[in-house]
Amino acid sequence: MRVKKFDQINVLPFIDIMLVLLVVVLTTASFVAKGTIPVDLPEASSKKAPTQKMKSIVIKSDGEIYFEDKKVKKGELKRILSKLNPKEDAILIKSDAKSRFQSFVMVIDMLKSDGFKKISIETKQ
């Protein structure tokens, strides 16, 4: 029996497999969550987009506070804010429309006591 020389490779099955994998990846990618904290923002008539990169503080409807998508307690938030530069760093507050106003006031009070002047509140139009 004579051994056949292997000098070619059939790539058509590989192309078919790659197309199937591409379809699977694109289909499942559309179901992946955005990775953001769901907050029902209050409405406002005017809306201005932020001009620089801002540190975000999110207040959920149940009173939980997140700094840069990481859940923090009141004391932790105070410690984190004390490490930031109030003259350089801008803060964006996203407060749920159904959250207690006291949580919002507490965050604003922390920011003001640390000397932050660049504070924005995100709303939906």
N, C-alpha and C. Protein backbone atom coordinates (compact mmCIF):
# COMPACT_ATOMS: atom_id res chain seq x y z
N MET A 1 0.83 -1.17 0.00
CA MET A 1 0.00 0.00 0.00
C MET A 1 0.88 1.24 0.00
N ARG A 2 0.52 2.15 -0.82
CA ARG A 2 1.31 3.34 -1.00
C ARG A 2 0.75 4.48 -0.14
N VAL A 3 1.62 5.21 0.55
CA VAL A 3 1.21 6.33 1.40
C VAL A 3 1.05 7.57 0.54
N LYS A 4 -0.12 8.20 0.70
CA LYS A 4 -0.40 9.38 -0.09
C LYS A 4 0.29 10.60 0.53
N LYS A 5 0.83 11.43 -0.29
CA LYS A 5 1.54 12.61 0.16
C LYS A 5 0.51 13.66 0.63
N PHE A 6 0.75 14.26 1.84
CA PHE A 6 -0.15 15.25 2.42
C PHE A 6 0.40 16.64 2.10
N ASP A 7 -0.10 17.26 1.05
CA ASP A 7 0.39 18.57 0.66
C ASP A 7 -0.72 19.62 0.56
N GLN A 8 -1.95 19.26 0.89
CA GLN A 8 -3.06 20.21 0.88
C GLN A 8 -3.93 19.98 2.10
N ILE A 9 -4.64 21.02 2.49
CA ILE A 9 -5.59 20.89 3.58
C ILE A 9 -6.92 21.50 3.12
N ASN A 10 -7.98 20.83 3.41
CA ASN A 10 -9.31 21.31 3.02
C ASN A 10 -9.80 22.26 4.12
N VAL A 11 -9.94 23.55 3.79
CA VAL A 11 -10.31 24.56 4.78
C VAL A 11 -11.81 24.85 4.82
N LEU A 12 -12.57 24.29 3.95
CA LEU A 12 -14.01 24.56 3.94
C LEU A 12 -14.70 24.14 5.24
N PRO A 13 -14.42 22.99 5.82
CA PRO A 13 -15.06 22.67 7.11
C PRO A 13 -14.66 23.65 8.22
N PHE A 14 -13.44 24.14 8.19
CA PHE A 14 -13.00 25.11 9.20
C PHE A 14 -13.76 26.43 9.06
N ILE A 15 -14.01 26.85 7.82
CA ILE A 15 -14.76 28.08 7.58
C ILE A 15 -16.19 27.93 8.08
N ASP A 16 -16.79 26.77 7.85
CA ASP A 16 -18.15 26.52 8.33
C ASP A 16 -18.21 26.59 9.86
N ILE A 17 -17.25 25.97 10.51
CA ILE A 17 -17.22 25.98 11.98
C ILE A 17 -17.03 27.40 12.50
N MET A 18 -16.17 28.18 11.88
CA MET A 18 -15.93 29.55 12.31
C MET A 18 -17.18 30.41 12.13
N LEU A 19 -17.92 30.22 11.06
CA LEU A 19 -19.16 30.97 10.86
C LEU A 19 -20.20 30.61 11.91
N VAL A 20 -20.32 29.34 12.24
CA VAL A 20 -21.26 28.92 13.28
C VAL A 20 -20.85 29.54 14.63
N LEU A 21 -19.56 29.52 14.94
CA LEU A 21 -19.10 30.12 16.19
C LEU A 21 -19.35 31.63 16.22
N LEU A 22 -19.17 32.29 15.09
CA LEU A 22 -19.44 33.71 15.01
C LEU A 22 -20.91 34.02 15.27
N VAL A 23 -21.79 33.22 14.69
CA VAL A 23 -23.23 33.40 14.92
C VAL A 23 -23.57 33.19 16.39
N VAL A 24 -23.00 32.18 17.01
CA VAL A 24 -23.26 31.91 18.43
C VAL A 24 -22.78 33.07 19.30
N VAL A 25 -21.60 33.57 19.03
CA VAL A 25 -21.05 34.66 19.83
C VAL A 25 -21.89 35.93 19.66
N LEU A 26 -22.25 36.26 18.44
CA LEU A 26 -23.05 37.46 18.22
C LEU A 26 -24.44 37.35 18.82
N THR A 27 -25.01 36.16 18.77
CA THR A 27 -26.34 35.96 19.36
C THR A 27 -26.30 36.09 20.88
N THR A 28 -25.32 35.47 21.50
CA THR A 28 -25.26 35.53 22.97
C THR A 28 -24.79 36.89 23.46
N ALA A 29 -24.02 37.61 22.66
CA ALA A 29 -23.55 38.93 23.09
C ALA A 29 -24.70 39.91 23.22
N SER A 30 -25.76 39.72 22.46
CA SER A 30 -26.89 40.63 22.56
C SER A 30 -27.69 40.43 23.84
N PHE A 31 -27.51 39.30 24.52
CA PHE A 31 -28.23 39.04 25.76
C PHE A 31 -27.44 39.40 27.00
N VAL A 32 -26.21 39.80 26.85
CA VAL A 32 -25.38 40.12 28.00
C VAL A 32 -25.81 41.48 28.56
N ALA A 33 -25.88 41.58 29.88
CA ALA A 33 -26.28 42.82 30.52
C ALA A 33 -25.22 43.89 30.34
N LYS A 34 -25.63 45.13 30.43
CA LYS A 34 -24.72 46.24 30.24
C LYS A 34 -23.73 46.38 31.40
N GLY A 35 -24.05 45.88 32.55
CA GLY A 35 -23.15 45.99 33.69
C GLY A 35 -23.32 47.30 34.45
N THR A 36 -24.49 47.92 34.33
CA THR A 36 -24.73 49.16 35.06
C THR A 36 -25.76 48.91 36.16
N ILE A 37 -25.80 49.79 37.11
CA ILE A 37 -26.74 49.68 38.21
C ILE A 37 -28.07 50.29 37.76
N PRO A 38 -29.17 49.54 37.83
CA PRO A 38 -30.44 50.07 37.35
C PRO A 38 -30.99 51.14 38.29
N VAL A 39 -31.16 52.34 37.77
CA VAL A 39 -31.69 53.46 38.54
C VAL A 39 -32.72 54.16 37.67
N ASP A 40 -33.89 54.42 38.25
CA ASP A 40 -34.94 55.17 37.57
C ASP A 40 -34.70 56.65 37.85
N LEU A 41 -34.06 57.35 36.90
CA LEU A 41 -33.68 58.74 37.11
C LEU A 41 -34.90 59.64 37.07
N PRO A 42 -34.87 60.73 37.86
CA PRO A 42 -35.97 61.69 37.79
C PRO A 42 -35.90 62.47 36.48
N GLU A 43 -37.00 63.09 36.12
CA GLU A 43 -37.07 63.83 34.87
C GLU A 43 -36.77 65.31 35.09
N ALA A 44 -36.18 65.93 34.08
CA ALA A 44 -35.92 67.37 34.10
C ALA A 44 -36.10 67.91 32.68
N SER A 45 -36.44 69.20 32.58
CA SER A 45 -36.68 69.78 31.26
C SER A 45 -35.39 70.12 30.54
N SER A 46 -34.33 70.43 31.28
CA SER A 46 -33.05 70.74 30.63
C SER A 46 -32.06 69.64 30.95
N LYS A 47 -31.21 69.38 29.97
CA LYS A 47 -30.23 68.32 30.17
C LYS A 47 -28.95 68.74 29.46
N LYS A 48 -27.85 68.71 30.18
CA LYS A 48 -26.56 69.08 29.61
C LYS A 48 -25.60 67.93 29.83
N ALA A 49 -24.94 67.50 28.78
CA ALA A 49 -24.00 66.38 28.88
C ALA A 49 -22.75 66.82 29.62
N PRO A 50 -22.19 65.94 30.48
CA PRO A 50 -20.96 66.29 31.18
C PRO A 50 -19.80 66.45 30.19
N THR A 51 -18.91 67.39 30.50
CA THR A 51 -17.81 67.68 29.59
C THR A 51 -16.53 66.97 29.95
N GLN A 52 -16.43 66.41 31.15
CA GLN A 52 -15.21 65.72 31.56
C GLN A 52 -15.56 64.41 32.25
N LYS A 53 -14.56 63.59 32.49
CA LYS A 53 -14.76 62.32 33.17
C LYS A 53 -15.12 62.60 34.62
N MET A 54 -16.22 62.02 35.05
CA MET A 54 -16.70 62.27 36.40
C MET A 54 -16.73 60.98 37.20
N LYS A 55 -16.52 61.10 38.49
CA LYS A 55 -16.70 59.99 39.42
C LYS A 55 -18.20 59.92 39.70
N SER A 56 -18.77 58.71 39.69
CA SER A 56 -20.22 58.62 39.85
C SER A 56 -20.60 58.06 41.23
N ILE A 57 -21.65 58.65 41.77
CA ILE A 57 -22.28 58.17 43.01
C ILE A 57 -23.72 57.85 42.65
N VAL A 58 -24.15 56.62 42.91
CA VAL A 58 -25.51 56.18 42.59
C VAL A 58 -26.25 55.93 43.89
N ILE A 59 -27.45 56.49 44.00
CA ILE A 59 -28.33 56.26 45.15
C ILE A 59 -29.54 55.50 44.64
N LYS A 60 -29.68 54.25 45.08
CA LYS A 60 -30.81 53.43 44.62
C LYS A 60 -32.06 53.74 45.44
N SER A 61 -33.19 53.22 44.98
CA SER A 61 -34.47 53.51 45.64
C SER A 61 -34.53 52.99 47.07
N ASP A 62 -33.79 51.91 47.37
CA ASP A 62 -33.80 51.37 48.73
C ASP A 62 -32.75 52.01 49.63
N GLY A 63 -32.06 53.05 49.14
CA GLY A 63 -31.09 53.77 49.96
C GLY A 63 -29.66 53.29 49.83
N GLU A 64 -29.42 52.22 49.06
CA GLU A 64 -28.06 51.74 48.87
C GLU A 64 -27.27 52.76 48.06
N ILE A 65 -26.00 52.93 48.44
CA ILE A 65 -25.14 53.91 47.77
C ILE A 65 -24.01 53.16 47.09
N TYR A 66 -23.73 53.55 45.84
CA TYR A 66 -22.65 52.96 45.06
C TYR A 66 -21.70 54.08 44.63
N PHE A 67 -20.40 53.84 44.77
CA PHE A 67 -19.39 54.75 44.25
C PHE A 67 -18.63 54.02 43.16
N GLU A 68 -18.70 54.55 41.94
CA GLU A 68 -18.06 53.93 40.79
C GLU A 68 -18.47 52.45 40.66
N ASP A 69 -19.77 52.18 40.72
CA ASP A 69 -20.37 50.85 40.55
C ASP A 69 -19.98 49.86 41.65
N LYS A 70 -19.53 50.34 42.80
CA LYS A 70 -19.16 49.47 43.92
C LYS A 70 -19.97 49.91 45.14
N LYS A 71 -20.69 48.96 45.74
CA LYS A 71 -21.55 49.28 46.88
C LYS A 71 -20.69 49.72 48.07
N VAL A 72 -21.08 50.85 48.67
CA VAL A 72 -20.34 51.38 49.82
C VAL A 72 -21.32 51.79 50.91
N LYS A 73 -20.81 51.86 52.13
CA LYS A 73 -21.60 52.37 53.25
C LYS A 73 -21.26 53.85 53.43
N LYS A 74 -21.99 54.51 54.31
CA LYS A 74 -21.81 55.95 54.52
C LYS A 74 -20.38 56.27 54.94
N GLY A 75 -19.82 55.52 55.88
CA GLY A 75 -18.45 55.77 56.35
C GLY A 75 -17.41 55.53 55.26
N GLU A 76 -17.63 54.49 54.46
CA GLU A 76 -16.71 54.20 53.36
C GLU A 76 -16.73 55.33 52.32
N LEU A 77 -17.93 55.83 52.02
CA LEU A 77 -18.05 56.92 51.06
C LEU A 77 -17.32 58.15 51.55
N LYS A 78 -17.46 58.45 52.83
CA LYS A 78 -16.76 59.61 53.41
C LYS A 78 -15.26 59.45 53.28
N ARG A 79 -14.75 58.24 53.53
CA ARG A 79 -13.31 57.97 53.43
C ARG A 79 -12.83 58.09 51.99
N ILE A 80 -13.62 57.56 51.04
CA ILE A 80 -13.25 57.63 49.62
C ILE A 80 -13.22 59.08 49.15
N LEU A 81 -14.23 59.86 49.56
CA LEU A 81 -14.30 61.26 49.13
C LEU A 81 -13.15 62.07 49.71
N SER A 82 -12.70 61.72 50.90
CA SER A 82 -11.59 62.47 51.51
C SER A 82 -10.27 62.24 50.76
N LYS A 83 -10.17 61.12 50.03
CA LYS A 83 -8.95 60.83 49.26
C LYS A 83 -8.95 61.54 47.91
N LEU A 84 -10.10 62.02 47.45
CA LEU A 84 -10.18 62.69 46.15
C LEU A 84 -9.79 64.16 46.28
N ASN A 85 -9.47 64.76 45.15
CA ASN A 85 -9.11 66.18 45.11
C ASN A 85 -10.36 66.99 44.79
N PRO A 86 -10.89 67.77 45.74
CA PRO A 86 -12.14 68.51 45.50
C PRO A 86 -12.04 69.56 44.39
N LYS A 87 -10.85 70.06 44.12
CA LYS A 87 -10.71 71.10 43.09
C LYS A 87 -10.60 70.50 41.69
N GLU A 88 -10.14 69.26 41.59
CA GLU A 88 -9.92 68.63 40.28
C GLU A 88 -11.02 67.64 39.90
N ASP A 89 -11.46 66.82 40.86
CA ASP A 89 -12.40 65.75 40.57
C ASP A 89 -13.84 66.27 40.50
N ALA A 90 -14.55 65.83 39.47
CA ALA A 90 -15.96 66.16 39.31
C ALA A 90 -16.80 64.95 39.71
N ILE A 91 -17.92 65.20 40.36
CA ILE A 91 -18.79 64.14 40.87
C ILE A 91 -20.13 64.20 40.15
N LEU A 92 -20.61 63.04 39.71
CA LEU A 92 -21.92 62.91 39.07
C LEU A 92 -22.80 62.07 39.99
N ILE A 93 -23.92 62.64 40.41
CA ILE A 93 -24.86 61.93 41.30
C ILE A 93 -26.03 61.44 40.47
N LYS A 94 -26.30 60.12 40.58
CA LYS A 94 -27.46 59.51 39.94
C LYS A 94 -28.34 58.99 41.06
N SER A 95 -29.42 59.69 41.33
CA SER A 95 -30.32 59.30 42.41
C SER A 95 -31.63 58.80 41.83
N ASP A 96 -32.08 57.65 42.31
CA ASP A 96 -33.34 57.09 41.85
C ASP A 96 -34.47 58.04 42.22
N ALA A 97 -35.47 58.15 41.35
CA ALA A 97 -36.59 59.06 41.58
C ALA A 97 -37.38 58.67 42.83
N LYS A 98 -37.35 57.39 43.20
CA LYS A 98 -38.10 56.92 44.36
C LYS A 98 -37.26 56.82 45.62
N SER A 99 -36.00 57.26 45.57
CA SER A 99 -35.14 57.18 46.76
C SER A 99 -35.53 58.26 47.76
N ARG A 100 -35.17 58.02 49.00
CA ARG A 100 -35.47 59.00 50.05
C ARG A 100 -34.60 60.24 49.83
N PHE A 101 -35.20 61.38 49.99
CA PHE A 101 -34.48 62.63 49.80
C PHE A 101 -33.35 62.78 50.82
N GLN A 102 -33.51 62.17 51.98
CA GLN A 102 -32.50 62.25 53.03
C GLN A 102 -31.17 61.64 52.56
N SER A 103 -31.22 60.54 51.80
CA SER A 103 -30.00 59.93 51.27
C SER A 103 -29.29 60.89 50.32
N PHE A 104 -30.06 61.55 49.49
CA PHE A 104 -29.49 62.52 48.55
C PHE A 104 -28.85 63.69 49.31
N VAL A 105 -29.55 64.21 50.29
CA VAL A 105 -29.03 65.33 51.08
C VAL A 105 -27.76 64.92 51.82
N MET A 106 -27.72 63.70 52.35
CA MET A 106 -26.54 63.22 53.07
C MET A 106 -25.32 63.21 52.13
N VAL A 107 -25.49 62.72 50.90
CA VAL A 107 -24.39 62.67 49.93
C VAL A 107 -23.94 64.09 49.57
N ILE A 108 -24.89 64.98 49.30
CA ILE A 108 -24.55 66.36 48.98
C ILE A 108 -23.82 67.02 50.14
N ASP A 109 -24.27 66.76 51.36
CA ASP A 109 -23.63 67.33 52.55
C ASP A 109 -22.19 66.85 52.68
N MET A 110 -21.95 65.56 52.41
CA MET A 110 -20.58 65.03 52.45
C MET A 110 -19.70 65.74 51.42
N LEU A 111 -20.24 65.88 50.22
CA LEU A 111 -19.47 66.52 49.15
C LEU A 111 -19.16 67.98 49.49
N LYS A 112 -20.13 68.70 49.99
CA LYS A 112 -19.93 70.11 50.34
C LYS A 112 -18.96 70.27 51.51
N SER A 113 -19.05 69.37 52.50
CA SER A 113 -18.14 69.48 53.64
C SER A 113 -16.70 69.17 53.25
N ASP A 114 -16.50 68.37 52.20
CA ASP A 114 -15.14 68.10 51.72
C ASP A 114 -14.67 69.15 50.71
N GLY A 115 -15.53 70.11 50.35
CA GLY A 115 -15.12 71.21 49.49
C GLY A 115 -15.31 70.97 48.00
N PHE A 116 -16.10 69.98 47.61
CA PHE A 116 -16.32 69.72 46.19
C PHE A 116 -17.21 70.81 45.59
N LYS A 117 -16.80 71.32 44.44
CA LYS A 117 -17.57 72.36 43.77
C LYS A 117 -18.15 71.85 42.44
N LYS A 118 -17.51 70.85 41.83
CA LYS A 118 -17.96 70.31 40.55
C LYS A 118 -18.89 69.12 40.79
N ILE A 119 -20.15 69.43 41.06
CA ILE A 119 -21.14 68.39 41.36
C ILE A 119 -22.25 68.49 40.33
N SER A 120 -22.58 67.37 39.69
CA SER A 120 -23.67 67.33 38.72
C SER A 120 -24.68 66.27 39.14
N ILE A 121 -25.91 66.47 38.72
CA ILE A 121 -26.98 65.51 39.00
C ILE A 121 -27.51 65.02 37.67
N GLU A 122 -27.52 63.71 37.47
CA GLU A 122 -27.99 63.15 36.20
C GLU A 122 -29.50 62.95 36.27
N THR A 123 -30.19 63.39 35.22
CA THR A 123 -31.64 63.19 35.10
C THR A 123 -31.93 62.67 33.70
N LYS A 124 -33.18 62.29 33.48
CA LYS A 124 -33.59 61.93 32.13
C LYS A 124 -34.53 63.00 31.62
N GLN A 125 -34.49 63.24 30.33
CA GLN A 125 -35.27 64.33 29.75
C GLN A 125 -36.62 63.86 29.31
